Amino acid sequence: MAAGVFAYESSDVDWCEDNYRHSETVVEYFNTMSSFVFFVVSPIMLYLLHPYAKERNLAVHLVWLMMIFVGLFSMYFHMTLSFMGQMLDELSILWVLATGYSLWFPRKHFPAFIKDRNSFCRMVLAVTVVTTLSSFVKPTANAYVLNCFALHILYSLCVEMKSCTEQRVLRLAKVSVGLWALAISCWISDRFGCSFWQKLNFCYLHGIWHILIVVATAHASTLIAYLDASFEIPYTEPDLQYWPKDNWALGLPYIVLKGTNTKTRKSC
């Protein structure tokens, strides 16, 4: 049984891309290769967000360090379509979300019985461990549970953005939501509209999902980190910029800290 969970195609999940079409050892070639985007974007975001992480909490780096593991496990899963690959892929995403919740969930929205962030982190850890263990009971439900978590993050962002008046922040929020919506559309289309895409001989939407979700995560995590910095360390005067060039229409957003001693609160 132990060997079976590592066996090729032991997972119940099989994406739209033709299996073994481009390689005898890689089940889904383009889905596997597209996972390389995790290894490209993650180190860049680690570098760009380091000034914020150093001022706020170095644990912030865990989000993008774990995203590297998401990419690694995604490659392994699509290369083998093994049950173990599926579980590692999905559970690594769960732990990234849990880390983000622990670090960035606004204190003003903590449950009444939670008094500080350490207690909140312990609660999130306990829930994540229980969810991890229970996920082995019904593995096919994991992806849908993860998307429900994503919807809750989206809702929380909408609540936080209601009082925001800064145009650059609002633009980042709109781009983040737009990228996420486009990414999830690709995931759903590949999962449930495979026959249509096979007729068009275009079975690569899950690979496109990989690319879009990484870029969407870069935008959303920067937005959340900016809101966090504005409330928790406002004296650093956080601002948004884009890499590699700030005036480019496309790029990876990051936080710069102008750093003054004026402890004023921004409008978002």
Protein backbone atom coordinates (compact mmCIF):
# COMPACT_ATOMS: atom_id res chain seq x y z
CA MET A 1 0.00 0.00 0.00
CA ALA A 2 2.84 2.38 0.89
CA ALA A 3 4.43 1.82 -2.51
CA GLY A 4 1.05 2.30 -4.15
CA VAL A 5 0.64 5.92 -3.05
CA PHE A 6 3.91 6.78 -4.81
CA ALA A 7 3.01 4.90 -8.00
CA TYR A 8 2.48 6.75 -11.27
CA GLU A 9 -1.20 7.66 -11.84
CA SER A 10 -2.26 6.42 -8.39
CA SER A 11 -4.14 9.70 -7.89
CA ASP A 12 -7.82 9.97 -8.82
CA VAL A 13 -7.10 13.40 -10.32
CA ASP A 14 -6.12 13.61 -13.98
CA TRP A 15 -5.97 16.99 -15.72
CA CYS A 16 -6.90 17.72 -19.30
CA GLU A 17 -3.42 17.56 -20.81
CA ASP A 18 -2.67 14.33 -22.70
CA ASN A 19 -0.61 11.95 -20.60
CA TYR A 20 2.90 10.95 -21.74
CA ARG A 21 2.49 12.92 -24.97
CA HIS A 22 5.91 14.60 -24.79
CA SER A 23 7.83 12.30 -22.46
CA GLU A 24 7.83 8.67 -21.40
CA THR A 25 8.67 9.60 -17.79
CA VAL A 26 6.60 12.79 -17.33
CA VAL A 27 2.84 12.24 -17.29
CA GLU A 28 1.76 15.87 -17.85
CA TYR A 29 4.68 17.66 -19.48
CA PHE A 30 3.39 21.26 -19.72
CA ASN A 31 1.71 21.15 -16.32
CA THR A 32 5.05 20.00 -14.91
CA MET A 33 7.17 22.57 -16.74
CA SER A 34 4.84 25.48 -15.92
CA SER A 35 5.51 24.83 -12.22
CA PHE A 36 8.99 26.31 -12.77
CA VAL A 37 7.36 29.73 -12.42
CA PHE A 38 7.28 29.14 -8.65
CA PHE A 39 11.09 28.92 -8.62
CA VAL A 40 11.40 32.14 -10.61
CA VAL A 41 8.95 34.41 -8.79
CA SER A 42 9.50 33.19 -5.21
CA PRO A 43 13.19 34.23 -4.86
CA ILE A 44 12.38 37.61 -6.43
CA MET A 45 9.57 38.22 -3.94
CA LEU A 46 11.77 37.10 -1.04
CA TYR A 47 14.30 39.72 -2.06
CA LEU A 48 11.78 42.50 -2.74
CA LEU A 49 9.88 42.03 0.53
CA HIS A 50 12.95 41.69 2.74
CA PRO A 51 12.98 45.33 4.00
CA TYR A 52 9.35 44.95 5.10
CA ALA A 53 9.98 41.51 6.62
CA LYS A 54 13.04 42.80 8.52
CA GLU A 55 11.01 45.64 10.03
CA ARG A 56 7.79 43.72 10.64
CA ASN A 57 8.62 40.04 11.17
CA LEU A 58 11.12 37.77 9.40
CA ALA A 59 8.48 35.04 9.52
CA VAL A 60 6.93 36.85 6.52
CA HIS A 61 9.58 35.09 4.43
CA LEU A 62 7.91 31.76 5.25
CA VAL A 63 5.14 32.53 2.76
CA TRP A 64 7.45 32.64 -0.25
CA LEU A 65 9.82 29.99 1.06
CA MET A 66 6.83 27.66 1.26
CA MET A 67 5.73 28.72 -2.22
CA ILE A 68 8.97 27.18 -3.47
CA PHE A 69 7.85 23.88 -1.94
CA VAL A 70 4.43 24.31 -3.57
CA GLY A 71 6.23 24.53 -6.91
CA LEU A 72 8.38 21.50 -6.10
CA PHE A 73 5.40 19.36 -5.07
CA SER A 74 3.36 20.62 -8.03
CA MET A 75 6.11 19.44 -10.39
CA TYR A 76 6.26 16.07 -8.64
CA PHE A 77 2.48 15.64 -8.78
CA HIS A 78 2.10 16.48 -12.47
CA MET A 79 5.16 14.46 -13.38
CA THR A 80 3.76 11.32 -11.73
CA LEU A 81 0.04 11.93 -11.02
CA SER A 82 0.71 9.94 -7.85
CA PHE A 83 -1.52 10.05 -4.79
CA MET A 84 1.40 11.21 -2.65
CA GLY A 85 2.18 13.95 -5.15
CA GLN A 86 -1.42 15.14 -5.03
CA MET A 87 -1.43 15.26 -1.23
CA LEU A 88 1.91 17.07 -1.01
CA ASP A 89 0.78 19.58 -3.63
CA GLU A 90 -2.54 20.37 -1.97
CA LEU A 91 -1.31 20.33 1.62
CA SER A 92 1.60 22.63 0.84
CA ILE A 93 -0.93 25.17 -0.47
CA LEU A 94 -2.96 24.73 2.72
CA TRP A 95 0.09 25.52 4.85
CA VAL A 96 0.91 28.61 2.76
CA LEU A 97 -2.62 29.89 3.38
CA ALA A 98 -2.35 29.07 7.09
CA THR A 99 0.95 30.95 7.31
CA GLY A 100 -0.60 33.97 5.62
CA TYR A 101 -3.57 33.88 7.99
CA SER A 102 -1.28 33.69 11.01
CA LEU A 103 0.89 36.60 9.93
CA TRP A 104 -1.57 38.99 8.35
CA PHE A 105 -5.13 38.43 9.53
CA PRO A 106 -6.13 41.81 11.06
CA ARG A 107 -6.16 41.88 14.85
CA LYS A 108 -9.44 43.80 14.88
CA HIS A 109 -11.15 40.78 13.31
CA PHE A 110 -9.82 38.24 15.82
CA PRO A 111 -12.50 36.15 17.59
CA ALA A 112 -13.46 37.58 20.99
CA PHE A 113 -11.71 34.77 22.88
CA ILE A 114 -8.38 35.50 21.14
CA LYS A 115 -6.34 38.14 22.97
CA ASP A 116 -3.12 38.35 20.94
CA ARG A 117 -1.52 37.17 17.69
CA ASN A 118 0.40 34.34 19.37
CA SER A 119 -2.88 32.81 20.53
CA PHE A 120 -4.34 33.32 17.06
CA CYS A 121 -1.33 31.59 15.48
CA ARG A 122 -1.75 28.61 17.82
CA MET A 123 -5.43 28.36 16.88
CA VAL A 124 -4.62 28.48 13.14
CA LEU A 125 -1.89 25.86 13.66
CA ALA A 126 -4.31 23.52 15.45
CA VAL A 127 -6.96 23.91 12.73
CA THR A 128 -4.37 23.35 10.00
CA VAL A 129 -3.02 20.19 11.61
CA VAL A 130 -6.54 18.77 11.99
CA THR A 131 -7.37 19.71 8.39
CA THR A 132 -4.13 18.10 7.18
CA LEU A 133 -4.93 14.83 8.91
CA SER A 134 -8.57 14.79 7.84
CA SER A 135 -7.65 15.55 4.21
CA PHE A 136 -6.43 11.98 3.81
CA VAL A 137 -10.01 10.79 4.39
CA LYS A 138 -11.43 12.61 1.34
CA PRO A 139 -8.50 13.77 -0.84
CA THR A 140 -10.64 14.83 -3.82
CA ALA A 141 -12.31 17.50 -1.68
CA ASN A 142 -9.02 19.23 -0.89
CA ALA A 143 -8.92 21.49 -3.95
CA TYR A 144 -12.44 22.77 -3.31
CA VAL A 145 -11.68 23.46 0.36
CA LEU A 146 -8.59 25.42 -0.67
CA ASN A 147 -10.62 27.54 -3.08
CA CYS A 148 -13.11 28.24 -0.27
CA PHE A 149 -10.20 29.56 1.80
CA ALA A 150 -9.24 31.75 -1.15
CA LEU A 151 -12.78 33.13 -1.30
CA HIS A 152 -12.62 34.03 2.39
CA ILE A 153 -9.33 35.86 1.82
CA LEU A 154 -10.98 37.70 -1.06
CA TYR A 155 -13.91 38.69 1.18
CA SER A 156 -11.56 39.87 3.93
CA LEU A 157 -9.66 41.99 1.43
CA CYS A 158 -12.88 43.60 0.21
CA VAL A 159 -13.79 44.52 3.81
CA GLU A 160 -10.36 46.05 4.41
CA MET A 161 -10.41 48.01 1.15
CA LYS A 162 -13.72 49.79 1.86
CA SER A 163 -12.00 52.64 3.68
CA CYS A 164 -9.05 52.91 1.29
CA THR A 165 -8.69 56.04 -0.84
CA GLU A 166 -5.19 55.62 -2.31
CA GLN A 167 -5.49 55.03 -6.04
CA ARG A 168 -2.34 52.93 -6.35
CA VAL A 169 -3.54 50.60 -3.61
CA LEU A 170 -6.99 50.34 -5.18
CA ARG A 171 -5.39 49.52 -8.54
CA LEU A 172 -3.30 46.77 -6.92
CA ALA A 173 -6.45 45.35 -5.32
CA LYS A 174 -8.30 45.31 -8.65
CA VAL A 175 -5.38 43.66 -10.44
CA SER A 176 -5.06 41.06 -7.65
CA VAL A 177 -8.74 40.13 -7.85
CA GLY A 178 -8.67 40.14 -11.66
CA LEU A 179 -5.65 37.82 -11.81
CA TRP A 180 -7.21 35.48 -9.24
CA ALA A 181 -10.51 35.38 -11.17
CA LEU A 182 -8.68 34.66 -14.43
CA ALA A 183 -6.58 31.96 -12.76
CA ILE A 184 -9.54 30.22 -11.15
CA SER A 185 -11.41 30.38 -14.48
CA CYS A 186 -8.54 28.48 -16.10
CA TRP A 187 -8.59 25.89 -13.29
CA ILE A 188 -12.35 25.37 -13.58
CA SER A 189 -12.31 25.28 -17.39
CA ASP A 190 -9.55 22.68 -17.43
CA ARG A 191 -11.30 20.58 -14.77
CA PHE A 192 -14.83 20.65 -16.13
CA GLY A 193 -14.55 21.75 -19.77
CA CYS A 194 -11.87 19.36 -20.90
CA SER A 195 -13.84 17.89 -23.82
CA PHE A 196 -14.32 21.37 -25.30
CA TRP A 197 -10.62 22.24 -25.07
CA GLN A 198 -9.64 18.87 -26.48
CA LYS A 199 -11.68 19.65 -29.59
CA LEU A 200 -9.65 22.86 -29.95
CA ASN A 201 -6.45 20.90 -29.26
CA PHE A 202 -5.64 23.32 -26.42
CA CYS A 203 -5.27 21.39 -23.18
CA TYR A 204 -2.90 23.68 -21.32
CA LEU A 205 -5.19 25.73 -19.10
CA HIS A 206 -3.94 24.10 -15.91
CA GLY A 207 -0.41 25.11 -16.81
CA ILE A 208 -1.63 28.67 -17.41
CA TRP A 209 -3.33 28.47 -13.99
CA HIS A 210 0.08 27.81 -12.43
CA ILE A 211 1.54 30.97 -13.97
CA LEU A 212 -1.45 33.17 -13.19
CA ILE A 213 -1.85 32.01 -9.60
CA VAL A 214 1.80 32.70 -8.78
CA VAL A 215 1.54 36.23 -10.22
CA ALA A 216 -1.81 36.73 -8.45
CA THR A 217 -0.25 35.59 -5.16
CA ALA A 218 2.60 38.08 -5.63
CA HIS A 219 0.08 40.89 -6.08
CA ALA A 220 -2.29 39.79 -3.31
CA SER A 221 0.42 39.09 -0.73
CA THR A 222 1.99 42.49 -1.40
CA LEU A 223 -1.39 44.16 -1.02
CA ILE A 224 -2.07 42.35 2.26
CA ALA A 225 1.44 43.12 3.51
CA TYR A 226 0.97 46.79 2.61
CA LEU A 227 -2.30 46.98 4.55
CA ASP A 228 -0.61 45.22 7.47
CA ALA A 229 2.34 47.64 7.39
CA SER A 230 0.01 50.65 7.21
CA PHE A 231 -1.67 49.62 10.47
CA GLU A 232 1.11 47.85 12.37
CA ILE A 233 4.21 49.88 11.42
CA PRO A 234 2.82 53.14 9.96
CA TYR A 235 5.90 55.09 11.09
CA THR A 236 7.85 53.37 8.27
CA GLU A 237 5.60 55.10 5.70
CA PRO A 238 5.08 52.05 3.47
CA ASP A 239 4.62 52.66 -0.23
CA LEU A 240 4.09 50.51 -3.31
CA GLN A 241 6.49 50.09 -6.20
CA TYR A 242 6.90 47.63 -9.07
CA TRP A 243 9.83 45.50 -10.18
CA PRO A 244 11.74 45.66 -12.49
CA LYS A 245 10.64 49.21 -13.32
CA ASP A 246 8.14 51.24 -11.35
CA ASN A 247 6.49 52.91 -14.35
CA TRP A 248 5.90 49.68 -16.26
CA ALA A 249 2.31 48.58 -16.68
CA LEU A 250 3.29 45.01 -15.82
CA GLY A 251 5.61 43.97 -13.02
CA LEU A 252 5.84 42.46 -9.56
CA PRO A 253 4.62 44.77 -6.78
CA TYR A 254 6.56 45.21 -3.56
CA ILE A 255 6.71 47.46 -0.50
CA VAL A 256 9.24 50.20 0.09
CA LEU A 257 9.62 51.74 3.53
CA LYS A 258 10.37 55.44 3.42
CA GLY A 259 11.06 55.26 7.14
CA THR A 260 10.35 58.34 9.22
CA ASN A 261 9.54 58.77 12.87
CA THR A 262 6.22 60.41 12.14
CA LYS A 263 3.76 57.87 13.55
CA THR A 264 0.78 58.80 11.46
CA ARG A 265 -1.91 56.44 10.29
CA LYS A 266 -2.71 56.11 6.61
CA SER A 267 -6.24 55.91 5.27
CA CYS A 268 -5.84 52.24 4.38
